[in-house]
Amino acid sequence: MNPQDHHALAEQLLTRAARWMDTTGTPDLTLSERLAHRGADLAEAQVHATLSTLLPVLAPVDLTVFRASLNSLPLGLYTTREAARAHCEVLVRRDTTGGYLGWVPDHGGNDASEDLVVFGPDGDADGPVETITGYLVTPLTVAASYDAEADE
């Protein structure tokens, strides 16, 4: 059921709950039986009214995860960019001594993949050397639902 359906059902239950106190429609029921039916309808109406307001908030949303990889070999998926970076940095430090680590994005957006680069002295007077390590952090969007129009 969608939020609108829950809202409509809550209204119907409230209307029915009010009718339980009308003895003309249910002359064979005792007052305690009518009160019990009324209470059940009011409780169910409250549930549907609550769902009508909570469902839009609880609706599934797309999620971005971050894949750490080495030369296209996936190393892990993480919910934060920082965790994926940390995985790569630990591994590159095992093989590299000295130098400074830096992340170089493919472009300036938040959805950019980042290459891990080691900046270190060259030994020549020309300046530092930039070494691409092959470690990459790539953001991936996990869709909450299928969108048929997105395939076209």
C-alpha atoms as a PDB file:
ATOM      1  CA  MET A   1       0.000   0.000   0.000  1.00  0.00           C
ATOM      2  CA  ASN A   2       1.168   3.495  -0.731  1.00  0.00           C
ATOM      3  CA  PRO A   3       0.821   6.439   1.709  1.00  0.00           C
ATOM      4  CA  GLN A   4      -2.375   7.675   0.034  1.00  0.00           C
ATOM      5  CA  ASP A   5      -4.021   4.246   0.422  1.00  0.00           C
ATOM      6  CA  HIS A   6      -3.120   4.170   4.112  1.00  0.00           C
ATOM      7  CA  HIS A   7      -4.559   7.659   4.582  1.00  0.00           C
ATOM      8  CA  ALA A   8      -7.829   6.748   2.834  1.00  0.00           C
ATOM      9  CA  LEU A   9      -8.185   3.564   4.896  1.00  0.00           C
ATOM     10  CA  ALA A  10      -7.556   5.496   8.122  1.00  0.00           C
ATOM     11  CA  GLU A  11     -10.392   7.878   7.200  1.00  0.00           C
ATOM     12  CA  GLN A  12     -12.740   4.961   6.448  1.00  0.00           C
ATOM     13  CA  LEU A  13     -11.919   3.324   9.764  1.00  0.00           C
ATOM     14  CA  LEU A  14     -12.551   6.561  11.665  1.00  0.00           C
ATOM     15  CA  THR A  15     -15.943   6.891   9.996  1.00  0.00           C
ATOM     16  CA  ARG A  16     -16.783   3.277  10.854  1.00  0.00           C
ATOM     17  CA  ALA A  17     -15.578   3.765  14.443  1.00  0.00           C
ATOM     18  CA  ALA A  18     -18.034   6.627  14.865  1.00  0.00           C
ATOM     19  CA  ARG A  19     -20.892   4.453  13.574  1.00  0.00           C
ATOM     20  CA  TRP A  20     -20.334   1.790  16.246  1.00  0.00           C
ATOM     21  CA  MET A  21     -21.960   4.109  18.759  1.00  0.00           C
ATOM     22  CA  ASP A  22     -25.136   4.363  16.653  1.00  0.00           C
ATOM     23  CA  THR A  23     -27.425   1.685  18.079  1.00  0.00           C
ATOM     24  CA  THR A  24     -29.820   1.747  15.122  1.00  0.00           C
ATOM     25  CA  GLY A  25     -27.373  -0.055  12.845  1.00  0.00           C
ATOM     26  CA  THR A  26     -26.337  -2.684  15.391  1.00  0.00           C
ATOM     27  CA  PRO A  27     -29.242  -3.188  17.849  1.00  0.00           C
ATOM     28  CA  ASP A  28     -28.156  -6.733  18.750  1.00  0.00           C
ATOM     29  CA  LEU A  29     -24.751  -5.639  20.132  1.00  0.00           C
ATOM     30  CA  THR A  30     -24.189  -4.650  23.734  1.00  0.00           C
ATOM     31  CA  LEU A  31     -22.524  -1.385  24.637  1.00  0.00           C
ATOM     32  CA  SER A  32     -19.304  -3.174  25.603  1.00  0.00           C
ATOM     33  CA  GLU A  33     -19.241  -5.002  22.238  1.00  0.00           C
ATOM     34  CA  ARG A  34     -19.756  -1.740  20.353  1.00  0.00           C
ATOM     35  CA  LEU A  35     -16.992  -0.093  22.390  1.00  0.00           C
ATOM     36  CA  ALA A  36     -14.651  -3.014  21.642  1.00  0.00           C
ATOM     37  CA  HIS A  37     -15.308  -2.753  17.881  1.00  0.00           C
ATOM     38  CA  ARG A  38     -14.920   1.020  18.041  1.00  0.00           C
ATOM     39  CA  GLY A  39     -11.608   0.674  19.919  1.00  0.00           C
ATOM     40  CA  ALA A  40     -10.279  -1.836  17.380  1.00  0.00           C
ATOM     41  CA  ASP A  41     -11.206   0.441  14.459  1.00  0.00           C
ATOM     42  CA  LEU A  42      -9.623   3.458  16.162  1.00  0.00           C
ATOM     43  CA  ALA A  43      -6.411   1.512  16.817  1.00  0.00           C
ATOM     44  CA  GLU A  44      -6.238   0.286  13.221  1.00  0.00           C
ATOM     45  CA  ALA A  45      -6.965   3.806  11.954  1.00  0.00           C
ATOM     46  CA  GLN A  46      -4.052   5.080  14.043  1.00  0.00           C
ATOM     47  CA  VAL A  47      -1.729   2.485  12.497  1.00  0.00           C
ATOM     48  CA  HIS A  48      -2.724   3.448   8.958  1.00  0.00           C
ATOM     49  CA  ALA A  49      -2.500   7.175   9.719  1.00  0.00           C
ATOM     50  CA  THR A  50       1.016   6.639  11.080  1.00  0.00           C
ATOM     51  CA  LEU A  51       2.027   4.586   8.046  1.00  0.00           C
ATOM     52  CA  SER A  52       0.692   7.272   5.714  1.00  0.00           C
ATOM     53  CA  THR A  53       3.137   9.752   7.219  1.00  0.00           C
ATOM     54  CA  LEU A  54       6.109   7.422   7.793  1.00  0.00           C
ATOM     55  CA  LEU A  55       6.227   5.577   4.473  1.00  0.00           C
ATOM     56  CA  PRO A  56       7.492   8.565   2.481  1.00  0.00           C
ATOM     57  CA  VAL A  57      10.275   9.002   5.049  1.00  0.00           C
ATOM     58  CA  LEU A  58      11.111   5.288   5.116  1.00  0.00           C
ATOM     59  CA  ALA A  59      11.064   4.890   1.346  1.00  0.00           C
ATOM     60  CA  PRO A  60      14.221   3.238   0.023  1.00  0.00           C
ATOM     61  CA  VAL A  61      16.816   5.565  -1.421  1.00  0.00           C
ATOM     62  CA  ASP A  62      19.802   5.058  -3.680  1.00  0.00           C
ATOM     63  CA  LEU A  63      23.045   4.330  -1.848  1.00  0.00           C
ATOM     64  CA  THR A  64      26.582   5.185  -2.870  1.00  0.00           C
ATOM     65  CA  VAL A  65      29.279   2.661  -1.991  1.00  0.00           C
ATOM     66  CA  PHE A  66      32.979   2.953  -2.682  1.00  0.00           C
ATOM     67  CA  ARG A  67      34.995   0.173  -4.304  1.00  0.00           C
ATOM     68  CA  ALA A  68      38.687  -0.131  -3.532  1.00  0.00           C
ATOM     69  CA  SER A  69      40.582  -1.877  -6.322  1.00  0.00           C
ATOM     70  CA  LEU A  70      44.058  -2.626  -7.611  1.00  0.00           C
ATOM     71  CA  ASN A  71      44.462  -2.764 -11.393  1.00  0.00           C
ATOM     72  CA  SER A  72      40.748  -3.592 -11.833  1.00  0.00           C
ATOM     73  CA  LEU A  73      40.835  -6.308  -9.123  1.00  0.00           C
ATOM     74  CA  PRO A  74      38.181  -5.437  -6.507  1.00  0.00           C
ATOM     75  CA  LEU A  75      39.551  -5.319  -2.964  1.00  0.00           C
ATOM     76  CA  GLY A  76      36.393  -4.370  -1.079  1.00  0.00           C
ATOM     77  CA  LEU A  77      33.238  -2.243  -0.908  1.00  0.00           C
ATOM     78  CA  TYR A  78      32.802   0.460   1.720  1.00  0.00           C
ATOM     79  CA  THR A  79      30.100   2.905   2.749  1.00  0.00           C
ATOM     80  CA  THR A  80      32.593   5.788   2.943  1.00  0.00           C
ATOM     81  CA  ARG A  81      35.290   7.013   0.607  1.00  0.00           C
ATOM     82  CA  GLU A  82      37.656   7.318   3.572  1.00  0.00           C
ATOM     83  CA  ALA A  83      37.379   3.600   4.412  1.00  0.00           C
ATOM     84  CA  ALA A  84      38.098   2.584   0.812  1.00  0.00           C
ATOM     85  CA  ARG A  85      41.084   4.944   0.734  1.00  0.00           C
ATOM     86  CA  ALA A  86      42.417   3.547   4.013  1.00  0.00           C
ATOM     87  CA  HIS A  87      42.317   0.003   2.606  1.00  0.00           C
ATOM     88  CA  CYS A  88      44.356   1.048  -0.424  1.00  0.00           C
ATOM     89  CA  GLU A  89      46.804   3.126   1.597  1.00  0.00           C
ATOM     90  CA  VAL A  90      47.625   0.256   3.965  1.00  0.00           C
ATOM     91  CA  LEU A  91      48.356  -2.023   1.028  1.00  0.00           C
ATOM     92  CA  VAL A  92      50.514   0.479  -0.872  1.00  0.00           C
ATOM     93  CA  ARG A  93      52.537   1.256   2.284  1.00  0.00           C
ATOM     94  CA  ARG A  94      53.498  -2.429   2.482  1.00  0.00           C
ATOM     95  CA  ASP A  95      55.237  -2.143  -0.888  1.00  0.00           C
ATOM     96  CA  THR A  96      56.429   1.461  -0.801  1.00  0.00           C
ATOM     97  CA  THR A  97      58.862   3.139   1.531  1.00  0.00           C
ATOM     98  CA  GLY A  98      59.018   6.881   1.760  1.00  0.00           C
ATOM     99  CA  GLY A  99      57.166   9.387  -0.304  1.00  0.00           C
ATOM    100  CA  TYR A 100      53.840  11.016   0.262  1.00  0.00           C
ATOM    101  CA  LEU A 101      50.500   9.507  -0.678  1.00  0.00           C
ATOM    102  CA  GLY A 102      47.925  11.553  -2.510  1.00  0.00           C
ATOM    103  CA  TRP A 103      44.582  10.957  -4.182  1.00  0.00           C
ATOM    104  CA  VAL A 104      44.109  12.352  -7.679  1.00  0.00           C
ATOM    105  CA  PRO A 105      40.466  12.569  -8.854  1.00  0.00           C
ATOM    106  CA  ASP A 106      39.470  11.903 -12.467  1.00  0.00           C
ATOM    107  CA  HIS A 107      37.440  15.129 -12.452  1.00  0.00           C
ATOM    108  CA  GLY A 108      36.168  17.738 -10.020  1.00  0.00           C
ATOM    109  CA  GLY A 109      32.797  16.167  -9.132  1.00  0.00           C
ATOM    110  CA  ASN A 110      31.801  14.235  -6.011  1.00  0.00           C
ATOM    111  CA  ASP A 111      31.309  11.144  -8.176  1.00  0.00           C
ATOM    112  CA  ALA A 112      34.921  11.092  -9.401  1.00  0.00           C
ATOM    113  CA  SER A 113      37.109   8.019  -9.164  1.00  0.00           C
ATOM    114  CA  GLU A 114      40.439   8.649  -7.455  1.00  0.00           C
ATOM    115  CA  ASP A 115      43.872   7.204  -8.222  1.00  0.00           C
ATOM    116  CA  LEU A 116      46.333   6.698  -5.378  1.00  0.00           C
ATOM    117  CA  VAL A 117      49.637   8.331  -6.255  1.00  0.00           C
ATOM    118  CA  VAL A 118      52.983   8.285  -4.433  1.00  0.00           C
ATOM    119  CA  PHE A 119      54.935  11.525  -4.567  1.00  0.00           C
ATOM    120  CA  GLY A 120      58.610  11.070  -3.756  1.00  0.00           C
ATOM    121  CA  PRO A 121      62.092  12.298  -4.502  1.00  0.00           C
ATOM    122  CA  ASP A 122      63.564  11.272  -7.827  1.00  0.00           C
ATOM    123  CA  GLY A 123      67.239  11.435  -7.023  1.00  0.00           C
ATOM    124  CA  ASP A 124      67.644  13.920  -9.888  1.00  0.00           C
ATOM    125  CA  ALA A 125      67.644  17.633  -9.409  1.00  0.00           C
ATOM    126  CA  ASP A 126      64.509  17.851 -11.569  1.00  0.00           C
ATOM    127  CA  GLY A 127      62.145  17.426  -8.624  1.00  0.00           C
ATOM    128  CA  PRO A 128      59.771  14.836  -7.208  1.00  0.00           C
ATOM    129  CA  VAL A 129      58.436  11.831  -9.073  1.00  0.00           C
ATOM    130  CA  GLU A 130      54.758  11.035  -9.258  1.00  0.00           C
ATOM    131  CA  THR A 131      54.080   7.282  -9.316  1.00  0.00           C
ATOM    132  CA  ILE A 132      50.609   5.961 -10.069  1.00  0.00           C
ATOM    133  CA  THR A 133      50.120   2.902  -7.864  1.00  0.00           C
ATOM    134  CA  GLY A 134      47.211   1.208  -9.649  1.00  0.00           C
ATOM    135  CA  TYR A 135      45.037   1.570  -6.553  1.00  0.00           C
ATOM    136  CA  LEU A 136      41.691   3.172  -7.327  1.00  0.00           C
ATOM    137  CA  VAL A 137      38.623   4.217  -5.314  1.00  0.00           C
ATOM    138  CA  THR A 138      35.457   4.280  -7.404  1.00  0.00           C
ATOM    139  CA  PRO A 139      32.042   5.483  -6.200  1.00  0.00           C
ATOM    140  CA  LEU A 140      29.187   3.180  -7.264  1.00  0.00           C
ATOM    141  CA  THR A 141      25.482   3.949  -6.944  1.00  0.00           C
ATOM    142  CA  VAL A 142      23.285   1.087  -5.777  1.00  0.00           C
ATOM    143  CA  ALA A 143      19.744   1.745  -6.994  1.00  0.00           C
ATOM    144  CA  ALA A 144      16.886   1.330  -4.513  1.00  0.00           C
ATOM    145  CA  SER A 145      14.508   0.295  -7.259  1.00  0.00           C
ATOM    146  CA  TYR A 146      14.446  -0.530 -10.938  1.00  0.00           C
ATOM    147  CA  ASP A 147      13.774   2.350 -13.320  1.00  0.00           C
ATOM    148  CA  ALA A 148      12.677   1.091 -16.742  1.00  0.00           C
ATOM    149  CA  GLU A 149      13.066   4.564 -18.268  1.00  0.00           C
ATOM    150  CA  ALA A 150      16.714   4.745 -17.192  1.00  0.00           C
ATOM    151  CA  ASP A 151      17.536   1.836 -19.530  1.00  0.00           C
ATOM    152  CA  GLU A 152      16.396   3.764 -22.596  1.00  0.00           C
END
